[in-house]
Protein backbone atom coordinates (compact mmCIF):
# COMPACT_ATOMS: atom_id res chain seq x y z
CA MET A 1 -107.42 -29.13 -27.73
CA GLN A 2 -103.88 -28.05 -28.54
CA THR A 3 -101.10 -30.55 -29.11
CA TRP A 4 -97.77 -30.28 -27.28
CA ILE A 5 -96.20 -29.09 -30.55
CA GLN A 6 -98.68 -26.22 -30.85
CA ILE A 7 -98.11 -25.25 -27.22
CA ALA A 8 -94.30 -25.32 -27.60
CA PHE A 9 -94.42 -23.33 -30.85
CA ALA A 10 -96.81 -20.62 -29.59
CA PRO A 11 -94.08 -18.26 -28.19
CA LEU A 12 -92.18 -18.28 -31.51
CA LYS A 13 -95.38 -17.63 -33.41
CA ARG A 14 -95.96 -14.46 -31.37
CA ILE A 15 -92.51 -12.93 -31.93
CA LEU A 16 -91.58 -14.02 -35.45
CA PRO A 17 -92.99 -12.75 -38.76
CA ALA A 18 -95.77 -14.93 -40.13
CA PHE A 19 -93.76 -16.12 -43.16
CA LEU A 20 -90.82 -17.18 -40.96
CA SER A 21 -92.87 -18.86 -38.24
CA GLY A 22 -94.84 -20.66 -40.95
CA ALA A 23 -91.65 -21.92 -42.60
CA ILE A 24 -90.20 -23.12 -39.27
CA ARG A 25 -93.43 -24.85 -38.36
CA GLY A 26 -93.49 -26.60 -41.73
CA VAL A 27 -89.94 -27.88 -41.36
CA ILE A 28 -90.60 -29.12 -37.83
CA ALA A 29 -93.81 -30.87 -38.89
CA ALA A 30 -92.12 -32.51 -41.90
CA ALA A 31 -89.17 -33.69 -39.80
CA PHE A 32 -90.88 -34.86 -36.62
CA ALA A 33 -94.49 -35.79 -37.44
CA PRO A 34 -93.72 -39.10 -39.21
CA PHE A 35 -91.33 -40.14 -36.43
CA PHE A 36 -93.82 -39.12 -33.73
CA HIS A 37 -96.72 -41.06 -35.22
CA TYR A 38 -94.68 -44.16 -36.07
CA TYR A 39 -93.14 -44.16 -32.60
CA ARG A 40 -96.54 -43.80 -30.96
CA GLN A 41 -97.92 -46.68 -33.01
CA GLY A 42 -94.92 -48.90 -32.36
CA PHE A 43 -93.70 -48.98 -35.97
CA LEU A 44 -90.04 -48.62 -35.00
CA HIS A 45 -90.31 -51.32 -32.33
CA SER A 46 -92.03 -53.63 -34.82
CA ALA A 47 -89.38 -53.07 -37.49
CA MET A 48 -86.60 -53.96 -35.05
CA ALA A 49 -88.44 -56.97 -33.60
CA ALA A 50 -89.67 -58.22 -37.01
CA ARG A 51 -93.06 -58.70 -35.35
CA ALA A 52 -96.12 -56.51 -34.90
CA VAL A 53 -95.88 -54.89 -31.46
CA ASP A 54 -96.94 -51.63 -29.84
CA ARG A 55 -94.45 -49.19 -28.38
CA PHE A 56 -94.46 -51.15 -25.13
CA GLY A 57 -93.49 -54.36 -26.91
CA GLN A 58 -96.93 -55.96 -26.55
CA PRO A 59 -98.12 -58.07 -29.53
CA LEU A 60 -100.43 -56.47 -32.09
CA PRO A 61 -102.45 -57.96 -34.93
CA TRP A 62 -100.67 -57.37 -38.21
CA TYR A 63 -103.68 -55.45 -39.54
CA THR A 64 -103.32 -51.96 -40.94
CA TYR A 65 -102.97 -49.18 -38.38
CA PRO A 66 -106.33 -47.60 -39.33
CA THR A 67 -107.97 -50.96 -38.52
CA LEU A 68 -106.26 -51.07 -35.15
CA GLU A 69 -107.34 -47.49 -34.38
CA PHE A 70 -110.92 -48.49 -35.20
CA LEU A 71 -110.88 -51.69 -33.14
CA ARG A 72 -109.23 -49.97 -30.19
CA GLN A 73 -112.37 -47.91 -29.69
CA ARG A 74 -114.61 -50.97 -29.41
CA THR A 75 -115.24 -53.23 -26.42
CA PHE A 76 -114.81 -56.99 -26.78
CA LYS A 77 -114.86 -58.13 -23.14
CA THR A 78 -117.92 -60.35 -23.70
CA ARG A 79 -117.13 -61.23 -27.31
CA HIS A 80 -115.83 -64.50 -28.76
CA ILE A 81 -113.26 -64.58 -31.54
CA LEU A 82 -112.49 -67.15 -34.25
CA GLU A 83 -109.27 -66.88 -36.23
CA PHE A 84 -108.25 -68.67 -39.40
CA GLY A 85 -104.52 -68.06 -39.01
CA ALA A 86 -103.02 -67.57 -35.54
CA GLY A 87 -100.21 -65.35 -34.30
CA GLN A 88 -99.64 -61.96 -32.71
CA SER A 89 -103.34 -61.27 -33.19
CA THR A 90 -104.22 -64.30 -31.04
CA HIS A 91 -102.28 -62.77 -28.16
CA TRP A 92 -103.95 -59.38 -28.65
CA TRP A 93 -107.47 -60.80 -28.92
CA SER A 94 -106.89 -62.89 -25.80
CA ARG A 95 -106.20 -59.67 -23.88
CA VAL A 96 -109.31 -57.82 -25.03
CA ALA A 97 -111.92 -60.54 -25.67
CA ALA A 98 -113.69 -63.26 -23.68
CA SER A 99 -112.22 -66.11 -25.72
CA VAL A 100 -110.23 -66.90 -28.86
CA THR A 101 -110.41 -70.01 -31.00
CA ALA A 102 -107.58 -70.10 -33.55
CA LEU A 103 -106.62 -72.47 -36.36
CA GLU A 104 -103.04 -72.48 -37.66
CA SER A 105 -101.32 -74.55 -40.37
CA ASN A 106 -97.69 -73.92 -39.37
CA ARG A 107 -96.88 -76.48 -36.69
CA GLU A 108 -93.73 -74.74 -35.42
CA TRP A 109 -95.49 -71.39 -35.17
CA LEU A 110 -98.43 -73.04 -33.39
CA ASN A 111 -96.01 -74.54 -30.85
CA GLU A 112 -94.59 -71.06 -30.25
CA ILE A 113 -98.06 -69.65 -29.63
CA GLN A 114 -98.87 -72.49 -27.25
CA ARG A 115 -95.82 -71.52 -25.18
CA TRP A 116 -97.49 -68.15 -24.55
CA GLN A 117 -100.04 -70.05 -22.40
CA LEU A 118 -102.96 -67.78 -23.21
CA PRO A 119 -105.63 -68.81 -20.69
CA ASN A 120 -108.68 -68.06 -22.84
CA ALA A 121 -107.31 -69.30 -26.18
CA THR A 122 -108.11 -72.64 -27.83
CA LEU A 123 -105.60 -73.57 -30.54
CA HIS A 124 -105.98 -76.11 -33.34
CA PHE A 125 -103.53 -77.40 -35.93
CA ALA A 126 -105.11 -77.31 -39.40
CA ASP A 127 -103.30 -79.49 -41.92
CA ALA A 128 -103.04 -77.49 -45.15
CA PRO A 129 -100.82 -79.13 -47.79
CA ASN A 130 -103.41 -78.10 -50.37
CA SER A 131 -106.77 -76.31 -50.41
CA LYS A 132 -108.90 -79.48 -50.56
CA THR A 133 -107.20 -81.07 -47.55
CA CYS A 134 -107.23 -77.77 -45.66
CA VAL A 135 -110.96 -77.20 -46.17
CA ALA A 136 -111.79 -80.77 -45.14
CA HIS A 137 -109.66 -80.55 -41.99
CA VAL A 138 -111.00 -77.12 -41.03
CA ARG A 139 -114.59 -78.35 -41.42
CA GLN A 140 -113.73 -81.32 -39.22
CA ILE A 141 -112.29 -79.04 -36.54
CA MET A 142 -115.22 -76.64 -36.69
CA ALA A 143 -117.71 -79.51 -36.36
CA ALA A 144 -116.66 -79.65 -32.71
CA HIS A 145 -117.81 -76.02 -32.38
CA ALA A 146 -121.08 -76.51 -34.26
CA ASP A 147 -123.18 -75.16 -31.39
CA LYS A 148 -121.16 -71.94 -31.02
CA LEU A 149 -121.33 -68.57 -32.76
CA PHE A 150 -118.48 -66.06 -32.88
CA ASP A 151 -118.74 -62.28 -32.74
CA ILE A 152 -115.55 -61.64 -34.71
CA ILE A 153 -114.13 -64.02 -37.29
CA VAL A 154 -110.68 -63.20 -38.63
CA ILE A 155 -109.42 -64.58 -41.95
CA ASP A 156 -105.67 -64.04 -42.01
CA GLY A 157 -104.22 -67.40 -42.96
CA LEU A 158 -104.86 -70.88 -44.40
CA TYR A 159 -106.57 -70.79 -47.82
CA ARG A 160 -108.29 -67.48 -47.24
CA ALA A 161 -110.97 -67.35 -49.92
CA GLU A 162 -112.02 -70.91 -49.09
CA MET A 163 -112.47 -69.94 -45.42
CA VAL A 164 -115.25 -67.45 -46.22
CA ASP A 165 -117.96 -70.08 -46.80
CA ILE A 166 -116.86 -71.93 -43.67
CA ALA A 167 -116.86 -68.75 -41.57
CA ILE A 168 -120.27 -67.30 -42.44
CA PRO A 169 -122.45 -69.94 -40.67
CA PHE A 170 -120.43 -69.44 -37.47
CA LEU A 171 -120.90 -65.65 -37.37
CA SER A 172 -123.24 -64.18 -34.76
CA GLN A 173 -126.13 -62.02 -35.98
CA ASP A 174 -124.40 -58.75 -35.06
CA GLY A 175 -120.86 -59.97 -35.75
CA ALA A 176 -118.23 -59.11 -38.36
CA ILE A 177 -115.60 -60.86 -40.45
CA ILE A 178 -112.16 -59.20 -40.59
CA CYS A 179 -110.08 -60.07 -43.65
CA ASP A 180 -106.45 -59.00 -43.72
CA ASP A 181 -104.58 -58.51 -47.02
CA SER A 182 -108.02 -58.15 -48.57
CA GLU A 183 -106.59 -56.56 -51.69
CA GLY A 184 -105.60 -60.10 -52.70
CA TYR A 185 -106.36 -63.80 -52.16
CA GLY A 186 -109.76 -63.47 -53.86
CA LEU A 187 -111.35 -62.40 -50.59
CA VAL A 188 -113.58 -59.66 -51.99
CA GLU A 189 -114.76 -62.00 -54.75
CA ALA A 190 -115.54 -64.69 -52.17
CA PHE A 191 -118.17 -62.39 -50.63
CA SER A 192 -119.85 -61.63 -53.96
CA GLY A 193 -123.47 -62.72 -53.97
CA THR A 194 -123.76 -62.31 -50.20
CA THR A 195 -125.55 -59.52 -48.33
CA PHE A 196 -122.41 -58.41 -46.51
CA GLN A 197 -121.30 -54.79 -46.65
CA ARG A 198 -117.61 -53.89 -46.57
CA VAL A 199 -115.38 -51.17 -45.14
CA ASP A 200 -111.75 -51.05 -46.30
CA PHE A 201 -109.00 -49.76 -44.03
CA TYR A 202 -105.99 -48.88 -46.19
CA GLY A 203 -102.74 -47.88 -44.55
CA ALA A 204 -99.38 -48.85 -43.10
CA ARG A 205 -98.73 -51.96 -41.06
CA ALA A 206 -96.36 -52.47 -38.17
CA GLY A 207 -92.78 -52.55 -39.43
CA VAL A 208 -93.81 -52.97 -43.09
CA VAL A 209 -92.83 -50.51 -45.83
CA LEU A 210 -95.73 -51.03 -48.24
CA ILE A 211 -99.31 -50.11 -47.40
CA GLY A 212 -102.02 -52.73 -47.46
CA CYS A 213 -105.70 -53.21 -46.80
CA THR A 214 -107.67 -54.83 -44.00
CA SER A 215 -111.42 -55.08 -44.65
CA ILE A 216 -114.35 -55.59 -42.30
CA PHE A 217 -117.38 -57.42 -43.74
CA PHE A 218 -120.62 -56.97 -41.83
CA LYS A 219 -124.41 -56.83 -42.01
CA GLU A 220 -126.92 -54.30 -40.70
CA GLY A 221 -126.90 -54.18 -36.91
CA CYS A 222 -123.22 -55.08 -36.54
CA PHE A 223 -122.01 -54.15 -33.06
CA LEU A 224 -118.87 -52.52 -34.45
CA PHE A 225 -120.81 -49.75 -36.15
CA GLY A 226 -123.41 -47.21 -35.08
CA ASN A 227 -123.66 -43.69 -33.72
CA ALA A 228 -123.48 -44.92 -30.13
CA GLN A 229 -119.84 -45.93 -30.61
CA PRO A 230 -117.38 -43.37 -29.20
CA THR A 231 -114.62 -41.66 -31.12
CA THR A 232 -111.50 -41.20 -29.00
CA HIS A 233 -108.96 -38.49 -29.70
CA ALA A 234 -106.19 -40.04 -31.81
CA HIS A 235 -103.40 -38.82 -29.51
CA ALA A 236 -104.76 -41.00 -26.71
CA SER A 237 -104.21 -44.17 -28.72
CA THR A 238 -101.98 -46.88 -27.28
CA PHE A 239 -103.50 -49.93 -29.04
CA LYS A 240 -103.79 -51.67 -25.68
């Protein structure tokens, strides 16, 4: 399938010498491709808003763009999400999943999220002045959910490495744990000695200059992976 750039450039390619048409095409690609892709992904909108949003202004998780492309191709309508660290991602998950349970340690930010009135989101304040207090409070909160398993668990806040041991017992058999900023916080080390496999998604984030890494930890049979999952043409992506 031809892109609109290829279609627009075709007449010039027919009438110009190969070396000249090649040079023009290279200049156009170098000048417009980064802008086109960042606009499509909402990078410019995110930079101006200082929040992760798509090009329509809708909230996005602050994961790397390759992670978002991957998740966009999956279906979560019947899936339940647990987040250690709430925010833009809570809004996004509430749109695509059956329910979201989120724990957040910043009281003011939690109040802001509560004002969004997400109908399928349950929010908890997790006191986190230090790791010991945070772990104890999180375990207390999660005790109320002891009979529930979650299909996706996101670790993107609180004391991240310490959340791994808490998260694993709450993960469904075919579920996955998404760890953002996994190049730090001791997250990879926290999974050492477990039977989890890992896929790293390096790349840019919304409105952020430096690249980072979001990792998905999973076991055999995880619903996110498998040949039955579709691969959608990248140009159709809207992250919605």
